[in-house]
Amino acid sequence: MGLRLLVRTLSELCLTAGALIVLFVVYVLYWTGVRADDAMEREIGRLQQQWAADRTAGAPAGQAPGGAPPADGDPQAPAAPTPGAGPDPEAAVPAPGSGAQHRSAPAQGGTGGTGPRPGAPFAVMTIPRFGTGWAKPVLEGTGTDLLKRGLGHYAGSAGPGGTGNFAVAGHRRTYGDPFKDLPALRPGDTVVLTVGAARYTYRVDTRPYRTLPTDTAVIDPVPAAAGYREPGRYLTLTTCDPEWGHSHRLVVWGHLESTEGLSPPAQAEPKALPG
């Protein structure tokens, strides 16, 4: 009798533990994505309402964090990258959601302007390679809670269209999987940022580059590992690697190809298609 009771108790404990594990997996794989998708949609909705209100009031919509947008036809884009110097092993790229910030110089988005407040959304990113419905808000900072609501702009990096390196982090898995398909990006693909009445189109220059978390040089104003040698208007996208881990980082670089004004207010649908 005692043995049967012991076996039955152990069986029930195993079933309970199994059920809890299944529920946890469902939460991580499904429910965090549902909540994150809903949060991102709300952030985009708020941005579009704010942009519409700014235009109605005559406010200058579309100014990049840290300064004014560049003039059309002057993106200062580099030529196609060539194999560059190795990364700086003495710095550290924060993991998406770690709450840490980059240690580089102040934002280089131009002159004047105060930029968005920490945690606030200020742009919508679209990447045609990821599908026509892919659109994510970009918020200021890379904290844990912030990346549950969208992509995070590395504090201290350039603003959209600004001289320097506009650097953005995003989760690869969980919380909406925004950068799940980052490994699919190829040179020639486009990344489009909509900021109020301005649209910035970046052209991807590199295949995904795998590096260590200590390599903050990848978000320097002139990231040498991308093959860039001179100041320009660059883009860096980072996420964790492997897909379900965070021992490394995946990095993609690009350069600003064009800037255009939009009227009526933008709806975050890019004109550019993958090359």
Protein backbone atom coordinates (compact mmCIF):
# COMPACT_ATOMS: atom_id res chain seq x y z
CA MET A 1 0.00 0.00 0.00
CA GLY A 2 2.78 2.40 0.91
CA LEU A 3 4.61 1.67 -2.36
CA ARG A 4 1.49 2.35 -4.42
CA LEU A 5 0.94 5.65 -2.67
CA LEU A 6 4.54 6.65 -3.29
CA VAL A 7 4.34 5.76 -6.98
CA ARG A 8 1.03 7.60 -7.39
CA THR A 9 2.40 10.68 -5.62
CA LEU A 10 5.51 10.72 -7.77
CA SER A 11 3.39 10.31 -10.91
CA GLU A 12 1.19 13.22 -9.94
CA LEU A 13 4.22 15.38 -9.21
CA CYS A 14 5.71 14.53 -12.60
CA LEU A 15 2.44 15.35 -14.35
CA THR A 16 2.19 18.64 -12.49
CA ALA A 17 5.78 19.55 -13.31
CA GLY A 18 5.21 18.64 -16.97
CA ALA A 19 2.08 20.79 -17.12
CA LEU A 20 3.94 23.73 -15.60
CA ILE A 21 6.77 23.35 -18.12
CA VAL A 22 4.27 23.28 -21.00
CA LEU A 23 2.56 26.40 -19.66
CA PHE A 24 5.90 28.18 -19.34
CA VAL A 25 6.84 27.28 -22.92
CA VAL A 26 3.47 28.55 -24.15
CA TYR A 27 4.03 31.78 -22.22
CA VAL A 28 7.52 32.31 -23.63
CA LEU A 29 6.77 31.31 -27.22
CA TYR A 30 3.24 32.63 -27.61
CA TRP A 31 1.92 34.93 -24.91
CA THR A 32 4.95 37.25 -24.73
CA GLY A 33 4.62 37.64 -28.50
CA VAL A 34 0.91 38.47 -28.27
CA ARG A 35 1.53 41.12 -25.63
CA ALA A 36 4.55 42.55 -27.47
CA ASP A 37 2.69 42.76 -30.80
CA ASP A 38 -0.16 44.57 -29.09
CA ALA A 39 2.25 46.97 -27.40
CA MET A 40 4.06 47.70 -30.67
CA GLU A 41 0.80 48.42 -32.46
CA ARG A 42 -0.17 50.85 -29.71
CA GLU A 43 3.19 52.62 -29.94
CA ILE A 44 2.83 53.01 -33.72
CA GLY A 45 -0.71 54.28 -33.30
CA ARG A 46 0.43 56.88 -30.78
CA LEU A 47 3.24 58.00 -33.08
CA GLN A 48 0.93 58.42 -36.05
CA GLN A 49 -1.54 60.41 -33.94
CA GLN A 50 1.28 62.63 -32.66
CA TRP A 51 2.63 63.20 -36.17
CA ALA A 52 -0.82 64.12 -37.44
CA ALA A 53 -1.27 66.55 -34.54
CA ASP A 54 2.16 68.08 -35.16
CA ARG A 55 1.32 68.66 -38.81
CA THR A 56 -2.02 70.22 -37.91
CA ALA A 57 -0.28 72.54 -35.45
CA GLY A 58 2.49 73.34 -37.93
CA ALA A 59 5.21 71.73 -35.79
CA PRO A 60 8.36 70.45 -37.56
CA ALA A 61 7.62 66.70 -37.74
CA GLY A 62 10.35 64.37 -38.81
CA GLN A 63 13.33 65.80 -36.96
CA ALA A 64 15.84 63.15 -36.01
CA PRO A 65 17.04 62.72 -32.43
CA GLY A 66 20.00 65.02 -31.93
CA GLY A 67 19.31 67.28 -34.90
CA ALA A 68 17.63 68.12 -38.16
CA PRO A 69 17.30 65.67 -41.04
CA PRO A 70 19.88 65.92 -43.83
CA ALA A 71 19.03 67.61 -47.09
CA ASP A 72 17.87 65.41 -49.97
CA GLY A 73 20.62 64.27 -52.25
CA ASP A 74 23.32 64.60 -49.58
CA PRO A 75 23.28 61.31 -47.67
CA GLN A 76 27.08 61.10 -47.49
CA ALA A 77 26.82 57.39 -48.19
CA PRO A 78 30.03 55.37 -48.52
CA ALA A 79 30.96 53.10 -51.33
CA ALA A 80 30.39 49.38 -50.94
CA PRO A 81 32.36 48.14 -47.92
CA THR A 82 35.65 46.37 -48.21
CA PRO A 83 37.08 43.91 -45.69
CA GLY A 84 37.91 45.98 -42.64
CA ALA A 85 39.89 45.96 -39.50
CA GLY A 86 38.90 43.62 -36.70
CA PRO A 87 36.56 44.67 -33.92
CA ASP A 88 37.66 46.27 -30.69
CA PRO A 89 37.62 43.52 -28.05
CA GLU A 90 37.80 45.91 -25.11
CA ALA A 91 34.26 47.32 -25.33
CA ALA A 92 30.89 45.71 -24.79
CA VAL A 93 27.70 45.76 -26.86
CA PRO A 94 24.77 45.54 -24.44
CA ALA A 95 22.50 42.56 -24.97
CA PRO A 96 19.04 43.59 -26.15
CA GLY A 97 17.09 44.26 -22.99
CA SER A 98 20.09 44.33 -20.68
CA GLY A 99 19.46 47.93 -19.70
CA ALA A 100 23.10 48.82 -20.35
CA GLN A 101 24.01 51.70 -22.62
CA HIS A 102 26.72 52.25 -25.21
CA ARG A 103 29.85 54.01 -24.05
CA SER A 104 30.55 56.06 -27.18
CA ALA A 105 30.30 59.79 -27.94
CA PRO A 106 27.06 61.76 -27.86
CA ALA A 107 24.49 61.43 -30.62
CA GLN A 108 25.56 62.85 -33.95
CA GLY A 109 22.29 63.53 -35.69
CA GLY A 110 23.18 67.05 -36.80
CA THR A 111 22.97 70.37 -35.03
CA GLY A 112 20.44 71.49 -32.50
CA GLY A 113 17.49 69.43 -31.24
CA THR A 114 17.11 67.62 -27.98
CA GLY A 115 16.08 64.19 -29.25
CA PRO A 116 13.38 61.95 -27.80
CA ARG A 117 13.10 61.34 -24.09
CA PRO A 118 14.33 57.93 -22.83
CA GLY A 119 11.77 55.20 -23.45
CA ALA A 120 9.74 57.27 -25.91
CA PRO A 121 8.94 56.07 -29.46
CA PHE A 122 10.12 58.38 -32.24
CA ALA A 123 10.22 56.35 -35.49
CA VAL A 124 8.73 53.39 -37.32
CA MET A 125 11.06 50.92 -39.04
CA THR A 126 10.01 48.80 -42.00
CA ILE A 127 12.17 46.16 -43.71
CA PRO A 128 10.66 44.83 -46.96
CA ARG A 129 12.77 41.65 -46.74
CA PHE A 130 10.79 40.69 -43.61
CA GLY A 131 7.39 40.99 -45.34
CA THR A 132 4.93 43.72 -46.28
CA GLY A 133 3.30 43.70 -42.84
CA TRP A 134 6.53 44.06 -40.86
CA ALA A 135 6.62 47.46 -39.12
CA LYS A 136 8.10 48.11 -35.67
CA PRO A 137 8.33 51.21 -33.49
CA VAL A 138 11.78 52.46 -32.51
CA LEU A 139 12.10 53.72 -28.93
CA GLU A 140 14.90 55.62 -27.24
CA GLY A 141 17.07 53.25 -25.18
CA THR A 142 17.70 49.52 -24.91
CA GLY A 143 16.31 48.61 -21.50
CA THR A 144 14.58 45.30 -20.75
CA ASP A 145 11.06 46.68 -20.43
CA LEU A 146 11.53 48.96 -23.41
CA LEU A 147 12.40 46.13 -25.81
CA LYS A 148 9.10 44.46 -24.93
CA ARG A 149 7.42 47.34 -26.76
CA GLY A 150 9.58 47.63 -29.87
CA LEU A 151 13.10 48.14 -31.14
CA GLY A 152 15.62 50.11 -29.09
CA HIS A 153 17.84 52.95 -30.27
CA TYR A 154 21.27 52.84 -28.63
CA ALA A 155 21.60 56.01 -26.55
CA GLY A 156 24.56 58.02 -27.80
CA SER A 157 24.35 56.83 -31.39
CA ALA A 158 23.24 59.07 -34.28
CA GLY A 159 19.62 59.94 -35.01
CA PRO A 160 17.80 58.88 -38.18
CA GLY A 161 19.59 60.28 -41.21
CA GLY A 162 22.25 61.92 -39.06
CA THR A 163 25.99 61.83 -39.51
CA GLY A 164 27.39 58.91 -37.53
CA ASN A 165 25.84 55.53 -36.83
CA PHE A 166 22.12 55.07 -36.18
CA ALA A 167 22.25 51.87 -34.08
CA VAL A 168 19.22 49.77 -33.15
CA ALA A 169 18.78 46.59 -31.06
CA GLY A 170 15.92 44.11 -31.05
CA HIS A 171 14.96 40.72 -29.67
CA ARG A 172 15.52 37.78 -31.97
CA ARG A 173 13.18 35.50 -30.05
CA THR A 174 10.35 36.18 -27.57
CA TYR A 175 8.49 39.49 -27.22
CA GLY A 176 7.31 39.51 -30.80
CA ASP A 177 10.52 38.14 -32.37
CA PRO A 178 11.16 41.47 -34.16
CA PHE A 179 14.64 40.54 -35.45
CA LYS A 180 13.99 36.82 -35.91
CA ASP A 181 14.79 37.12 -39.63
CA LEU A 182 17.86 39.33 -39.29
CA PRO A 183 20.09 36.50 -40.64
CA ALA A 184 18.11 36.71 -43.91
CA LEU A 185 19.26 40.27 -44.68
CA ARG A 186 21.59 40.60 -47.66
CA PRO A 187 23.53 43.47 -49.26
CA GLY A 188 21.16 45.59 -51.30
CA ASP A 189 18.15 45.14 -49.00
CA THR A 190 16.51 48.29 -47.71
CA VAL A 191 15.67 49.47 -44.20
CA VAL A 192 13.21 52.36 -44.06
CA LEU A 193 12.70 54.71 -41.12
CA THR A 194 9.63 56.93 -40.99
CA VAL A 195 9.86 59.91 -38.63
CA GLY A 196 6.84 62.17 -38.95
CA ALA A 197 6.90 63.70 -42.43
CA ALA A 198 10.38 62.36 -43.25
CA ARG A 199 11.43 58.99 -44.59
CA TYR A 200 15.02 57.72 -44.46
CA THR A 201 15.99 54.79 -46.68
CA TYR A 202 19.13 52.86 -45.76
CA ARG A 203 20.78 50.31 -48.03
CA VAL A 204 22.25 47.19 -46.40
CA ASP A 205 25.97 46.77 -47.17
CA THR A 206 26.91 43.55 -45.38
CA ARG A 207 25.76 40.06 -44.57
CA PRO A 208 25.13 39.36 -40.88
CA TYR A 209 28.36 39.54 -38.90
CA ARG A 210 28.76 37.37 -35.78
CA THR A 211 30.73 38.79 -32.90
CA LEU A 212 31.06 38.74 -29.12
CA PRO A 213 29.02 40.84 -26.66
CA THR A 214 32.23 42.69 -25.72
CA ASP A 215 32.50 44.18 -29.22
CA THR A 216 30.97 47.66 -28.91
CA ALA A 217 33.04 48.89 -31.84
CA VAL A 218 30.25 47.59 -34.09
CA ILE A 219 28.15 50.62 -33.11
CA ASP A 220 30.94 53.19 -33.29
CA PRO A 221 30.26 56.28 -35.47
CA VAL A 222 32.48 54.68 -38.15
CA PRO A 223 32.26 50.88 -37.63
CA ALA A 224 35.51 49.56 -39.05
CA ALA A 225 34.40 45.93 -39.13
CA ALA A 226 31.82 46.91 -41.77
CA GLY A 227 34.59 48.14 -44.05
CA TYR A 228 33.83 51.84 -43.52
CA ARG A 229 36.80 54.17 -43.30
CA GLU A 230 35.32 57.68 -43.38
CA PRO A 231 32.52 59.49 -41.56
CA GLY A 232 29.13 58.96 -43.12
CA ARG A 233 25.51 58.27 -42.31
CA TYR A 234 25.41 54.63 -41.25
CA LEU A 235 22.92 52.12 -39.86
CA THR A 236 23.62 49.24 -37.47
CA LEU A 237 21.12 46.54 -36.48
CA THR A 238 22.01 44.13 -33.66
CA THR A 239 20.40 41.08 -32.09
CA CYS A 240 21.42 38.05 -30.04
CA ASP A 241 22.88 34.82 -31.40
CA PRO A 242 22.26 31.89 -31.37
CA GLU A 243 18.53 32.07 -31.98
CA TRP A 244 17.59 30.94 -28.47
CA GLY A 245 20.71 32.19 -26.70
CA HIS A 246 22.78 35.30 -26.14
CA SER A 247 26.42 34.24 -26.14
CA HIS A 248 27.09 36.22 -29.33
CA ARG A 249 25.64 39.07 -31.38
CA LEU A 250 24.56 39.31 -35.00
CA VAL A 251 25.21 42.65 -36.65
CA VAL A 252 24.13 44.13 -40.00
CA TRP A 253 25.37 47.45 -41.38
CA GLY A 254 24.10 49.81 -44.04
CA HIS A 255 24.35 53.39 -45.27
CA LEU A 256 21.80 56.15 -45.86
CA GLU A 257 20.74 56.13 -49.49
CA SER A 258 17.98 58.73 -49.62
CA THR A 259 15.80 61.09 -47.62
CA GLU A 260 12.36 62.23 -48.68
CA GLY A 261 9.56 64.33 -47.30
CA LEU A 262 6.07 62.88 -47.05
CA SER A 263 2.65 64.44 -47.39
CA PRO A 264 0.11 63.53 -46.08
CA PRO A 265 1.51 62.01 -42.83
CA ALA A 266 3.36 58.75 -43.30
CA GLN A 267 1.73 55.37 -42.72
CA ALA A 268 5.06 53.52 -42.45
CA GLU A 269 4.78 51.74 -45.81
CA PRO A 270 8.07 51.87 -47.72
CA LYS A 271 8.39 52.53 -51.44
CA ALA A 272 11.75 50.82 -51.66
CA LEU A 273 11.90 47.09 -52.37
CA PRO A 274 14.69 44.61 -51.60
CA GLY A 275 17.49 44.75 -54.14
